PDB file of N, CA and C in Angstrom:
ATOM      1  N   MET A   1       0.831  -1.174   0.000  1.00  0.00           N
ATOM      2  CA  MET A   1       0.000   0.000   0.000  1.00  0.00           C
ATOM      3  C   MET A   1       0.882   1.245   0.000  1.00  0.00           C
ATOM      4  N   THR A   2       0.347   2.246  -0.531  1.00  0.00           N
ATOM      5  CA  THR A   2       1.087   3.498  -0.548  1.00  0.00           C
ATOM      6  C   THR A   2       0.732   4.327   0.673  1.00  0.00           C
ATOM      7  N   GLU A   3       1.501   5.381   0.872  1.00  0.00           N
ATOM      8  CA  GLU A   3       1.254   6.267   2.009  1.00  0.00           C
ATOM      9  C   GLU A   3      -0.091   6.965   1.874  1.00  0.00           C
ATOM     10  N   ASN A   4      -0.464   7.293   0.647  1.00  0.00           N
ATOM     11  CA  ASN A   4      -1.746   7.942   0.398  1.00  0.00           C
ATOM     12  C   ASN A   4      -2.904   7.020   0.785  1.00  0.00           C
ATOM     13  N   ASP A   5      -2.776   5.722   0.455  1.00  0.00           N
ATOM     14  CA  ASP A   5      -3.809   4.757   0.822  1.00  0.00           C
ATOM     15  C   ASP A   5      -3.944   4.655   2.340  1.00  0.00           C
ATOM     16  N   ASP A   6      -2.818   4.651   3.025  1.00  0.00           N
ATOM     17  CA  ASP A   6      -2.840   4.591   4.483  1.00  0.00           C
ATOM     18  C   ASP A   6      -3.580   5.790   5.075  1.00  0.00           C
ATOM     19  N   LYS A   7      -3.336   6.967   4.528  1.00  0.00           N
ATOM     20  CA  LYS A   7      -4.015   8.171   5.016  1.00  0.00           C
ATOM     21  C   LYS A   7      -5.514   8.095   4.760  1.00  0.00           C
ATOM     22  N   LEU A   8      -5.909   7.611   3.578  1.00  0.00           N
ATOM     23  CA  LEU A   8      -7.328   7.485   3.255  1.00  0.00           C
ATOM     24  C   LEU A   8      -8.029   6.499   4.204  1.00  0.00           C
ATOM     25  N   ILE A   9      -7.370   5.388   4.472  1.00  0.00           N
ATOM     26  CA  ILE A   9      -7.947   4.400   5.387  1.00  0.00           C
ATOM     27  C   ILE A   9      -8.067   4.992   6.787  1.00  0.00           C
ATOM     28  N   GLU A  10      -7.039   5.703   7.236  1.00  0.00           N
ATOM     29  CA  GLU A  10      -7.061   6.346   8.553  1.00  0.00           C
ATOM     30  C   GLU A  10      -8.202   7.360   8.645  1.00  0.00           C
ATOM     31  N   GLN A  11      -8.402   8.147   7.616  1.00  0.00           N
ATOM     32  CA  GLN A  11      -9.491   9.127   7.612  1.00  0.00           C
ATOM     33  C   GLN A  11     -10.863   8.441   7.609  1.00  0.00           C
ATOM     34  N   PHE A  12     -10.958   7.340   6.909  1.00  0.00           N
ATOM     35  CA  PHE A  12     -12.227   6.613   6.850  1.00  0.00           C
ATOM     36  C   PHE A  12     -12.593   6.000   8.201  1.00  0.00           C
ATOM     37  N   LEU A  13     -11.612   5.476   8.896  1.00  0.00           N
ATOM     38  CA  LEU A  13     -11.864   4.798  10.161  1.00  0.00           C
ATOM     39  C   LEU A  13     -11.906   5.748  11.357  1.00  0.00           C
ATOM     40  N   ALA A  14     -11.371   6.956  11.241  1.00  0.00           N
ATOM     41  CA  ALA A  14     -11.258   7.890  12.362  1.00  0.00           C
ATOM     42  C   ALA A  14     -12.593   8.225  13.019  1.00  0.00           C
ATOM     43  N   PRO A  15     -13.684   8.473  12.286  1.00  0.00           N
ATOM     44  CA  PRO A  15     -14.937   8.857  12.961  1.00  0.00           C
ATOM     45  C   PRO A  15     -15.500   7.748  13.863  1.00  0.00           C
ATOM     46  N   GLY A  16     -15.269   6.502  13.538  1.00  0.00           N
ATOM     47  CA  GLY A  16     -15.832   5.409  14.328  1.00  0.00           C
ATOM     48  C   GLY A  16     -14.920   4.920  15.434  1.00  0.00           C
ATOM     49  N   ARG A  17     -13.772   5.531  15.603  1.00  0.00           N
ATOM     50  CA  ARG A  17     -12.801   5.067  16.590  1.00  0.00           C
ATOM     51  C   ARG A  17     -13.249   5.492  17.982  1.00  0.00           C
ATOM     52  N   ARG A  18     -13.179   4.546  18.920  1.00  0.00           N
ATOM     53  CA  ARG A  18     -13.451   4.872  20.319  1.00  0.00           C
ATOM     54  C   ARG A  18     -12.614   3.945  21.185  1.00  0.00           C
ATOM     55  N   GLU A  19     -12.262   4.404  22.317  1.00  0.00           N
ATOM     56  CA  GLU A  19     -11.446   3.628  23.252  1.00  0.00           C
ATOM     57  C   GLU A  19     -12.354   2.688  24.039  1.00  0.00           C
ATOM     58  N   ILE A  20     -11.899   1.488  24.244  1.00  0.00           N
ATOM     59  CA  ILE A  20     -12.648   0.498  25.020  1.00  0.00           C
ATOM     60  C   ILE A  20     -11.948   0.341  26.362  1.00  0.00           C
ATOM     61  N   ALA A  21     -12.722   0.357  27.430  1.00  0.00           N
ATOM     62  CA  ALA A  21     -12.149   0.238  28.775  1.00  0.00           C
ATOM     63  C   ALA A  21     -11.529  -1.141  28.953  1.00  0.00           C
ATOM     64  N   ASP A  22     -10.372  -1.165  29.559  1.00  0.00           N
ATOM     65  CA  ASP A  22      -9.631  -2.408  29.752  1.00  0.00           C
ATOM     66  C   ASP A  22     -10.213  -3.238  30.887  1.00  0.00           C
ATOM     67  N   ASP A  23     -10.589  -2.610  31.972  1.00  0.00           N
ATOM     68  CA  ASP A  23     -11.184  -3.267  33.146  1.00  0.00           C
ATOM     69  C   ASP A  23     -10.387  -4.488  33.612  1.00  0.00           C
ATOM     70  N   GLY A  24      -9.079  -4.419  33.541  1.00  0.00           N
ATOM     71  CA  GLY A  24      -8.226  -5.513  34.029  1.00  0.00           C
ATOM     72  C   GLY A  24      -8.081  -6.670  33.064  1.00  0.00           C
ATOM     73  N   PHE A  25      -8.585  -6.525  31.843  1.00  0.00           N
ATOM     74  CA  PHE A  25      -8.515  -7.613  30.872  1.00  0.00           C
ATOM     75  C   PHE A  25      -7.066  -7.988  30.566  1.00  0.00           C
ATOM     76  N   SER A  26      -6.217  -7.000  30.325  1.00  0.00           N
ATOM     77  CA  SER A  26      -4.810  -7.266  29.979  1.00  0.00           C
ATOM     78  C   SER A  26      -4.105  -7.999  31.114  1.00  0.00           C
ATOM     79  N   ARG A  27      -4.373  -7.608  32.348  1.00  0.00           N
ATOM     80  CA  ARG A  27      -3.748  -8.255  33.502  1.00  0.00           C
ATOM     81  C   ARG A  27      -4.175  -9.717  33.590  1.00  0.00           C
ATOM     82  N   ARG A  28      -5.455 -10.000  33.365  1.00  0.00           N
ATOM     83  CA  ARG A  28      -5.943 -11.380  33.421  1.00  0.00           C
ATOM     84  C   ARG A  28      -5.339 -12.232  32.303  1.00  0.00           C
ATOM     85  N   VAL A  29      -5.181 -11.645  31.129  1.00  0.00           N
ATOM     86  CA  VAL A  29      -4.571 -12.388  30.016  1.00  0.00           C
ATOM     87  C   VAL A  29      -3.131 -12.738  30.354  1.00  0.00           C
ATOM     88  N   VAL A  30      -2.373 -11.800  30.879  1.00  0.00           N
ATOM     89  CA  VAL A  30      -0.972 -12.035  31.227  1.00  0.00           C
ATOM     90  C   VAL A  30      -0.864 -13.100  32.309  1.00  0.00           C
ATOM     91  N   GLN A  31      -1.797 -13.114  33.269  1.00  0.00           N
ATOM     92  CA  GLN A  31      -1.761 -14.109  34.335  1.00  0.00           C
ATOM     93  C   GLN A  31      -2.032 -15.515  33.804  1.00  0.00           C
ATOM     94  N   ARG A  32      -2.775 -15.629  32.722  1.00  0.00           N
ATOM     95  CA  ARG A  32      -3.101 -16.949  32.179  1.00  0.00           C
ATOM     96  C   ARG A  32      -2.074 -17.464  31.167  1.00  0.00           C
ATOM     97  N   LEU A  33      -1.079 -16.676  30.851  1.00  0.00           N
ATOM     98  CA  LEU A  33      -0.036 -17.141  29.937  1.00  0.00           C
ATOM     99  C   LEU A  33       0.732 -18.283  30.594  1.00  0.00           C
ATOM    100  N   PRO A  34       1.243 -19.223  29.787  1.00  0.00           N
ATOM    101  CA  PRO A  34       1.969 -20.359  30.366  1.00  0.00           C
ATOM    102  C   PRO A  34       3.224 -19.897  31.110  1.00  0.00           C
ATOM    103  N   ASP A  35       3.518 -20.623  32.170  1.00  0.00           N
ATOM    104  CA  ASP A  35       4.683 -20.323  32.995  1.00  0.00           C
ATOM    105  C   ASP A  35       5.888 -21.086  32.438  1.00  0.00           C
ATOM    106  N   HIS A  36       6.857 -20.374  31.905  1.00  0.00           N
ATOM    107  CA  HIS A  36       8.021 -21.017  31.287  1.00  0.00           C
ATOM    108  C   HIS A  36       8.922 -21.672  32.324  1.00  0.00           C
ATOM    109  N   ARG A  37       8.798 -21.257  33.581  1.00  0.00           N
ATOM    110  CA  ARG A  37       9.602 -21.903  34.619  1.00  0.00           C
ATOM    111  C   ARG A  37       9.208 -23.366  34.757  1.00  0.00           C
ATOM    112  N   ARG A  38       7.924 -23.655  34.626  1.00  0.00           N
ATOM    113  CA  ARG A  38       7.471 -25.048  34.714  1.00  0.00           C
ATOM    114  C   ARG A  38       8.020 -25.870  33.568  1.00  0.00           C
ATOM    115  N   GLU A  39       8.053 -25.284  32.378  1.00  0.00           N
ATOM    116  CA  GLU A  39       8.597 -26.000  31.220  1.00  0.00           C
ATOM    117  C   GLU A  39      10.076 -26.303  31.415  1.00  0.00           C
ATOM    118  N   ARG A  40      10.827 -25.326  31.916  1.00  0.00           N
ATOM    119  CA  ARG A  40      12.252 -25.554  32.167  1.00  0.00           C
ATOM    120  C   ARG A  40      12.455 -26.615  33.241  1.00  0.00           C
ATOM    121  N   LEU A  41      11.631 -26.579  34.279  1.00  0.00           N
ATOM    122  CA  LEU A  41      11.725 -27.574  35.339  1.00  0.00           C
ATOM    123  C   LEU A  41      11.414 -28.969  34.795  1.00  0.00           C
ATOM    124  N   ALA A  42      10.427 -29.060  33.913  1.00  0.00           N
ATOM    125  CA  ALA A  42      10.097 -30.343  33.298  1.00  0.00           C
ATOM    126  C   ALA A  42      11.258 -30.853  32.456  1.00  0.00           C
ATOM    127  N   GLN A  43      11.925 -29.947  31.733  1.00  0.00           N
ATOM    128  CA  GLN A  43      13.088 -30.367  30.939  1.00  0.00           C
ATOM    129  C   GLN A  43      14.227 -30.838  31.837  1.00  0.00           C
ATOM    130  N   VAL A  44      14.435 -30.145  32.946  1.00  0.00           N
ATOM    131  CA  VAL A  44      15.494 -30.551  33.880  1.00  0.00           C
ATOM    132  C   VAL A  44      15.201 -31.945  34.415  1.00  0.00           C
ATOM    133  N   TRP A  45      13.959 -32.205  34.804  1.00  0.00           N
ATOM    134  CA  TRP A  45      13.597 -33.532  35.307  1.00  0.00           C
ATOM    135  C   TRP A  45      13.742 -34.598  34.220  1.00  0.00           C
ATOM    136  N   THR A  46      13.379 -34.261  33.001  1.00  0.00           N
ATOM    137  CA  THR A  46      13.506 -35.219  31.903  1.00  0.00           C
ATOM    138  C   THR A  46      14.965 -35.592  31.679  1.00  0.00           C
ATOM    139  N   TRP A  47      15.833 -34.592  31.595  1.00  0.00           N
ATOM    140  CA  TRP A  47      17.248 -34.875  31.363  1.00  0.00           C
ATOM    141  C   TRP A  47      17.886 -35.556  32.568  1.00  0.00           C
ATOM    142  N   THR A  48      17.450 -35.218  33.770  1.00  0.00           N
ATOM    143  CA  THR A  48      17.974 -35.882  34.961  1.00  0.00           C
ATOM    144  C   THR A  48      17.576 -37.352  34.949  1.00  0.00           C
ATOM    145  N   GLY A  49      16.314 -37.613  34.622  1.00  0.00           N
ATOM    146  CA  GLY A  49      15.865 -39.005  34.532  1.00  0.00           C
ATOM    147  C   GLY A  49      16.610 -39.774  33.459  1.00  0.00           C
ATOM    148  N   PHE A  50      16.830 -39.134  32.317  1.00  0.00           N
ATOM    149  CA  PHE A  50      17.584 -39.780  31.244  1.00  0.00           C
ATOM    150  C   PHE A  50      19.001 -40.106  31.694  1.00  0.00           C
ATOM    151  N   ALA A  51      19.639 -39.175  32.407  1.00  0.00           N
ATOM    152  CA  ALA A  51      21.009 -39.399  32.887  1.00  0.00           C
ATOM    153  C   ALA A  51      21.044 -40.534  33.897  1.00  0.00           C
ATOM    154  N   VAL A  52      20.045 -40.601  34.778  1.00  0.00           N
ATOM    155  CA  VAL A  52      19.995 -41.677  35.773  1.00  0.00           C
ATOM    156  C   VAL A  52      19.823 -43.033  35.082  1.00  0.00           C
ATOM    157  N   VAL A  53      18.911 -43.096  34.120  1.00  0.00           N
ATOM    158  CA  VAL A  53      18.681 -44.349  33.400  1.00  0.00           C
ATOM    159  C   VAL A  53      19.933 -44.769  32.640  1.00  0.00           C
ATOM    160  N   LEU A  54      20.581 -43.808  31.983  1.00  0.00           N
ATOM    161  CA  LEU A  54      21.806 -44.122  31.252  1.00  0.00           C
ATOM    162  C   LEU A  54      22.900 -44.597  32.208  1.00  0.00           C
ATOM    163  N   GLY A  55      23.015 -43.929  33.358  1.00  0.00           N
ATOM    164  CA  GLY A  55      23.999 -44.349  34.359  1.00  0.00           C
ATOM    165  C   GLY A  55      23.725 -45.756  34.869  1.00  0.00           C
ATOM    166  N   LEU A  56      22.459 -46.055  35.143  1.00  0.00           N
ATOM    167  CA  LEU A  56      22.108 -47.406  35.598  1.00  0.00           C
ATOM    168  C   LEU A  56      22.358 -48.438  34.497  1.00  0.00           C
ATOM    169  N   PHE A  57      22.066 -48.071  33.261  1.00  0.00           N
ATOM    170  CA  PHE A  57      22.308 -48.991  32.141  1.00  0.00           C
ATOM    171  C   PHE A  57      23.780 -49.366  32.058  1.00  0.00           C
ATOM    172  N   ILE A  58      24.643 -48.368  32.215  1.00  0.00           N
ATOM    173  CA  ILE A  58      26.086 -48.630  32.153  1.00  0.00           C
ATOM    174  C   ILE A  58      26.556 -49.349  33.415  1.00  0.00           C
ATOM    175  N   ALA A  59      26.091 -48.896  34.593  1.00  0.00           N
ATOM    176  CA  ALA A  59      26.534 -49.494  35.861  1.00  0.00           C
ATOM    177  C   ALA A  59      26.099 -50.946  35.993  1.00  0.00           C
ATOM    178  N   LEU A  60      24.929 -51.281  35.482  1.00  0.00           N
ATOM    179  CA  LEU A  60      24.432 -52.654  35.589  1.00  0.00           C
ATOM    180  C   LEU A  60      24.828 -53.503  34.389  1.00  0.00           C
ATOM    181  N   ASP A  61      25.808 -53.038  33.648  1.00  0.00           N
ATOM    182  CA  ASP A  61      26.388 -53.780  32.528  1.00  0.00           C
ATOM    183  C   ASP A  61      25.374 -54.053  31.419  1.00  0.00           C
ATOM    184  N   GLY A  62      24.544 -53.065  31.139  1.00  0.00           N
ATOM    185  CA  GLY A  62      23.535 -53.197  30.103  1.00  0.00           C
ATOM    186  C   GLY A  62      24.127 -53.329  28.709  1.00  0.00           C
ATOM    187  N   VAL A  63      25.273 -52.679  28.482  1.00  0.00           N
ATOM    188  CA  VAL A  63      25.910 -52.767  27.165  1.00  0.00           C
ATOM    189  C   VAL A  63      26.319 -54.208  26.886  1.00  0.00           C
ATOM    190  N   GLN A  64      26.911 -54.861  27.873  1.00  0.00           N
ATOM    191  CA  GLN A  64      27.338 -56.250  27.695  1.00  0.00           C
ATOM    192  C   GLN A  64      26.131 -57.173  27.511  1.00  0.00           C
ATOM    193  N   LEU A  65      25.071 -56.948  28.269  1.00  0.00           N
ATOM    194  CA  LEU A  65      23.863 -57.762  28.123  1.00  0.00           C
ATOM    195  C   LEU A  65      23.253 -57.588  26.736  1.00  0.00           C
ATOM    196  N   LEU A  66      23.212 -56.371  26.256  1.00  0.00           N
ATOM    197  CA  LEU A  66      22.680 -56.112  24.923  1.00  0.00           C
ATOM    198  C   LEU A  66      23.556 -56.770  23.856  1.00  0.00           C
ATOM    199  N   TRP A  67      24.853 -56.637  24.006  1.00  0.00           N
ATOM    200  CA  TRP A  67      25.780 -57.255  23.054  1.00  0.00           C
ATOM    201  C   TRP A  67      25.617 -58.772  23.043  1.00  0.00           C
ATOM    202  N   ASN A  68      25.496 -59.381  24.227  1.00  0.00           N
ATOM    203  CA  ASN A  68      25.312 -60.838  24.309  1.00  0.00           C
ATOM    204  C   ASN A  68      24.005 -61.270  23.655  1.00  0.00           C
ATOM    205  N   ALA A  69      22.939 -60.497  23.843  1.00  0.00           N
ATOM    206  CA  ALA A  69      21.655 -60.839  23.231  1.00  0.00           C
ATOM    207  C   ALA A  69      21.748 -60.759  21.709  1.00  0.00           C
ATOM    208  N   LEU A  70      22.376 -59.710  21.199  1.00  0.00           N
ATOM    209  CA  LEU A  70      22.526 -59.589  19.742  1.00  0.00           C
ATOM    210  C   LEU A  70      23.400 -60.701  19.174  1.00  0.00           C
ATOM    211  N   ARG A  71      24.461 -61.041  19.885  1.00  0.00           N
ATOM    212  CA  ARG A  71      25.341 -62.123  19.438  1.00  0.00           C
ATOM    213  C   ARG A  71      24.594 -63.442  19.423  1.00  0.00           C
ATOM    214  N   GLU A  72      23.770 -63.686  20.456  1.00  0.00           N
ATOM    215  CA  GLU A  72      22.995 -64.925  20.520  1.00  0.00           C
ATOM    216  C   GLU A  72      22.005 -65.012  19.362  1.00  0.00           C
ATOM    217  N   VAL A  73      21.380 -63.894  19.018  1.00  0.00           N
ATOM    218  CA  VAL A  73      20.462 -63.881  17.873  1.00  0.00           C
ATOM    219  C   VAL A  73      21.220 -64.190  16.587  1.00  0.00           C
ATOM    220  N   PHE A  74      22.388 -63.596  16.435  1.00  0.00           N
ATOM    221  CA  PHE A  74      23.187 -63.838  15.227  1.00  0.00           C
ATOM    222  C   PHE A  74      23.628 -65.295  15.141  1.00  0.00           C
ATOM    223  N   VAL A  75      24.112 -65.842  16.259  1.00  0.00           N
ATOM    224  CA  VAL A  75      24.571 -67.238  16.265  1.00  0.00           C
ATOM    225  C   VAL A  75      23.408 -68.172  15.989  1.00  0.00           C
ATOM    226  N   THR A  76      22.273 -67.921  16.588  1.00  0.00           N
ATOM    227  CA  THR A  76      21.095 -68.764  16.355  1.00  0.00           C
ATOM    228  C   THR A  76      20.663 -68.702  14.901  1.00  0.00           C
ATOM    229  N   THR A  77      20.729 -67.528  14.316  1.00  0.00           N
ATOM    230  CA  THR A  77      20.364 -67.371  12.905  1.00  0.00           C
ATOM    231  C   THR A  77      21.294 -68.190  12.021  1.00  0.00           C
ATOM    232  N   ILE A  78      22.568 -68.152  12.313  1.00  0.00           N
ATOM    233  CA  ILE A  78      23.530 -68.918  11.517  1.00  0.00           C
ATOM    234  C   ILE A  78      23.317 -70.410  11.709  1.00  0.00           C
ATOM    235  N   GLU A  79      23.091 -70.823  12.961  1.00  0.00           N
ATOM    236  CA  GLU A  79      22.886 -72.250  13.234  1.00  0.00           C
ATOM    237  C   GLU A  79      21.638 -72.799  12.556  1.00  0.00           C
ATOM    238  N   GLN A  80      20.627 -71.995  12.413  1.00  0.00           N
ATOM    239  CA  GLN A  80      19.385 -72.458  11.792  1.00  0.00           C
ATOM    240  C   GLN A  80      19.474 -72.459  10.271  1.00  0.00           C
ATOM    241  N   GLY A  81      20.564 -71.980   9.715  1.00  0.00           N
ATOM    242  CA  GLY A  81      20.741 -72.017   8.275  1.00  0.00           C
ATOM    243  C   GLY A  81      20.057 -70.876   7.540  1.00  0.00           C
ATOM    244  N   MET A  82      19.625 -69.846   8.262  1.00  0.00           N
ATOM    245  CA  MET A  82      18.946 -68.734   7.628  1.00  0.00           C
ATOM    246  C   MET A  82      19.935 -67.694   7.116  1.00  0.00           C
ATOM    247  N   ALA A  83      21.174 -67.792   7.515  1.00  0.00           N
ATOM    248  CA  ALA A  83      22.155 -66.774   7.157  1.00  0.00           C
ATOM    249  C   ALA A  83      22.407 -66.729   5.663  1.00  0.00           C
ATOM    250  N   ALA A  84      22.248 -67.853   4.979  1.00  0.00           N
ATOM    251  CA  ALA A  84      22.493 -67.874   3.542  1.00  0.00           C
ATOM    252  C   ALA A  84      21.447 -67.061   2.787  1.00  0.00           C
ATOM    253  N   ASP A  85      20.271 -66.927   3.353  1.00  0.00           N
ATOM    254  CA  ASP A  85      19.188 -66.208   2.680  1.00  0.00           C
ATOM    255  C   ASP A  85      19.145 -64.726   3.042  1.00  0.00           C
ATOM    256  N   ILE A  86      19.893 -64.313   4.049  1.00  0.00           N
ATOM    257  CA  ILE A  86      19.823 -62.937   4.521  1.00  0.00           C
ATOM    258  C   ILE A  86      21.042 -62.162   4.055  1.00  0.00           C
ATOM    259  N   ASP A  87      20.792 -61.036   3.452  1.00  0.00           N
ATOM    260  CA  ASP A  87      21.852 -60.151   2.989  1.00  0.00           C
ATOM    261  C   ASP A  87      22.353 -59.319   4.179  1.00  0.00           C
ATOM    262  N   PRO A  88      23.678 -59.242   4.416  1.00  0.00           N
ATOM    263  CA  PRO A  88      24.180 -58.463   5.548  1.00  0.00           C
ATOM    264  C   PRO A  88      23.784 -56.986   5.482  1.00  0.00           C
ATOM    265  N   LYS A  89      23.689 -56.432   4.256  1.00  0.00           N
ATOM    266  CA  LYS A  89      23.264 -55.042   4.126  1.00  0.00           C
ATOM    267  C   LYS A  89      21.828 -54.861   4.617  1.00  0.00           C
ATOM    268  N   SER A  90      20.986 -55.846   4.338  1.00  0.00           N
ATOM    269  CA  SER A  90      19.597 -55.781   4.789  1.00  0.00           C
ATOM    270  C   SER A  90      19.528 -55.797   6.309  1.00  0.00           C
ATOM    271  N   LEU A  91      20.360 -56.638   6.939  1.00  0.00           N
ATOM    272  CA  LEU A  91      20.400 -56.668   8.404  1.00  0.00           C
ATOM    273  C   LEU A  91      20.863 -55.335   8.963  1.00  0.00           C
ATOM    274  N   LEU A  92      21.853 -54.730   8.341  1.00  0.00           N
ATOM    275  CA  LEU A  92      22.359 -53.444   8.799  1.00  0.00           C
ATOM    276  C   LEU A  92      21.284 -52.359   8.660  1.00  0.00           C
ATOM    277  N   ILE A  93      20.612 -52.336   7.530  1.00  0.00           N
ATOM    278  CA  ILE A  93      19.552 -51.351   7.306  1.00  0.00           C
ATOM    279  C   ILE A  93      18.422 -51.554   8.321  1.00  0.00           C
ATOM    280  N   ALA A  94      18.032 -52.812   8.544  1.00  0.00           N
ATOM    281  CA  ALA A  94      16.971 -53.094   9.514  1.00  0.00           C
ATOM    282  C   ALA A  94      17.383 -52.642  10.908  1.00  0.00           C
ATOM    283  N   GLY A  95      18.645 -52.874  11.272  1.00  0.00           N
ATOM    284  CA  GLY A  95      19.131 -52.433  12.583  1.00  0.00           C
ATOM    285  C   GLY A  95      19.109 -50.927  12.734  1.00  0.00           C
ATOM    286  N   VAL A  96      19.537 -50.211  11.696  1.00  0.00           N
ATOM    287  CA  VAL A  96      19.538 -48.750  11.739  1.00  0.00           C
ATOM    288  C   VAL A  96      18.108 -48.217  11.842  1.00  0.00           C
ATOM    289  N   VAL A  97      17.192 -48.810  11.078  1.00  0.00           N
ATOM    290  CA  VAL A  97      15.791 -48.385  11.127  1.00  0.00           C
ATOM    291  C   VAL A  97      15.209 -48.626  12.519  1.00  0.00           C
ATOM    292  N   LEU A  98      15.495 -49.789  13.103  1.00  0.00           N
ATOM    293  CA  LEU A  98      14.989 -50.078  14.451  1.00  0.00           C
ATOM    294  C   LEU A  98      15.568 -49.116  15.479  1.00  0.00           C
ATOM    295  N   LEU A  99      16.848 -48.789  15.371  1.00  0.00           N
ATOM    296  CA  LEU A  99      17.441 -47.817  16.292  1.00  0.00           C
ATOM    297  C   LEU A  99      16.792 -46.450  16.133  1.00  0.00           C
ATOM    298  N   PHE A 100      16.555 -46.036  14.899  1.00  0.00           N
ATOM    299  CA  PHE A 100      15.912 -44.747  14.644  1.00  0.00           C
ATOM    300  C   PHE A 100      14.499 -44.709  15.224  1.00  0.00           C
ATOM    301  N   LEU A 101      13.727 -45.772  14.984  1.00  0.00           N
ATOM    302  CA  LEU A 101      12.363 -45.821  15.504  1.00  0.00           C
ATOM    303  C   LEU A 101      12.353 -45.844  17.028  1.00  0.00           C
ATOM    304  N   GLY A 102      13.306 -46.556  17.620  1.00  0.00           N
ATOM    305  CA  GLY A 102      13.415 -46.561  19.086  1.00  0.00           C
ATOM    306  C   GLY A 102      13.733 -45.196  19.626  1.00  0.00           C
ATOM    307  N   TYR A 103      14.647 -44.487  18.968  1.00  0.00           N
ATOM    308  CA  TYR A 103      14.990 -43.125  19.392  1.00  0.00           C
ATOM    309  C   TYR A 103      13.796 -42.206  19.287  1.00  0.00           C
ATOM    310  N   LYS A 104      13.054 -42.287  18.159  1.00  0.00           N
ATOM    311  CA  LYS A 104      11.874 -41.440  17.972  1.00  0.00           C
ATOM    312  C   LYS A 104      10.832 -41.719  19.051  1.00  0.00           C
ATOM    313  N   LYS A 105      10.656 -42.995  19.414  1.00  0.00           N
ATOM    314  CA  LYS A 105       9.673 -43.348  20.448  1.00  0.00           C
ATOM    315  C   LYS A 105      10.099 -42.765  21.801  1.00  0.00           C
ATOM    316  N   ILE A 106      11.373 -42.891  22.141  1.00  0.00           N
ATOM    317  CA  ILE A 106      11.869 -42.358  23.402  1.00  0.00           C
ATOM    318  C   ILE A 106      11.757 -40.839  23.422  1.00  0.00           C
ATOM    319  N   ALA A 107      12.087 -40.199  22.306  1.00  0.00           N
ATOM    320  CA  ALA A 107      12.004 -38.746  22.225  1.00  0.00           C
ATOM    321  C   ALA A 107      10.562 -38.258  22.324  1.00  0.00           C
ATOM    322  N   SER A 108       9.610 -39.037  21.802  1.00  0.00           N
ATOM    323  CA  SER A 108       8.212 -38.611  21.868  1.00  0.00           C
ATOM    324  C   SER A 108       7.654 -38.725  23.276  1.00  0.00           C
ATOM    325  N   LEU A 109       8.253 -39.542  24.111  1.00  0.00           N
ATOM    326  CA  LEU A 109       7.785 -39.687  25.492  1.00  0.00           C
ATOM    327  C   LEU A 109       8.215 -38.526  26.354  1.00  0.00           C
ATOM    328  N   ALA A 110       9.257 -37.803  25.925  1.00  0.00           N
ATOM    329  CA  ALA A 110       9.784 -36.704  26.745  1.00  0.00           C
ATOM    330  C   ALA A 110       8.929 -35.519  26.751  1.00  0.00           C
TER     331      ALA A 110
END
């Protein structure tokens, strides 16, 4: 819009302009806005819980248990004769997809 258009619109609207009493409306709106301190506190608790779970996973030898379970699945697959039909790239892709989906699920819970 041009400056001339702005002036014309202002002149057109000027006769009908009137002030509306606030009567505490602005104060009530501000009081109902979300409290960001609660959001930050929730994030702190989420990250603290994540750190505790990760610490327990490492302290209770979760990495070794997970590795043993994956190795057992691989050995069982080979023993059953299914390894000849499975492409190693397909297994790698499936593993990456499962890790990604697991991460997305964990992230959505936060």
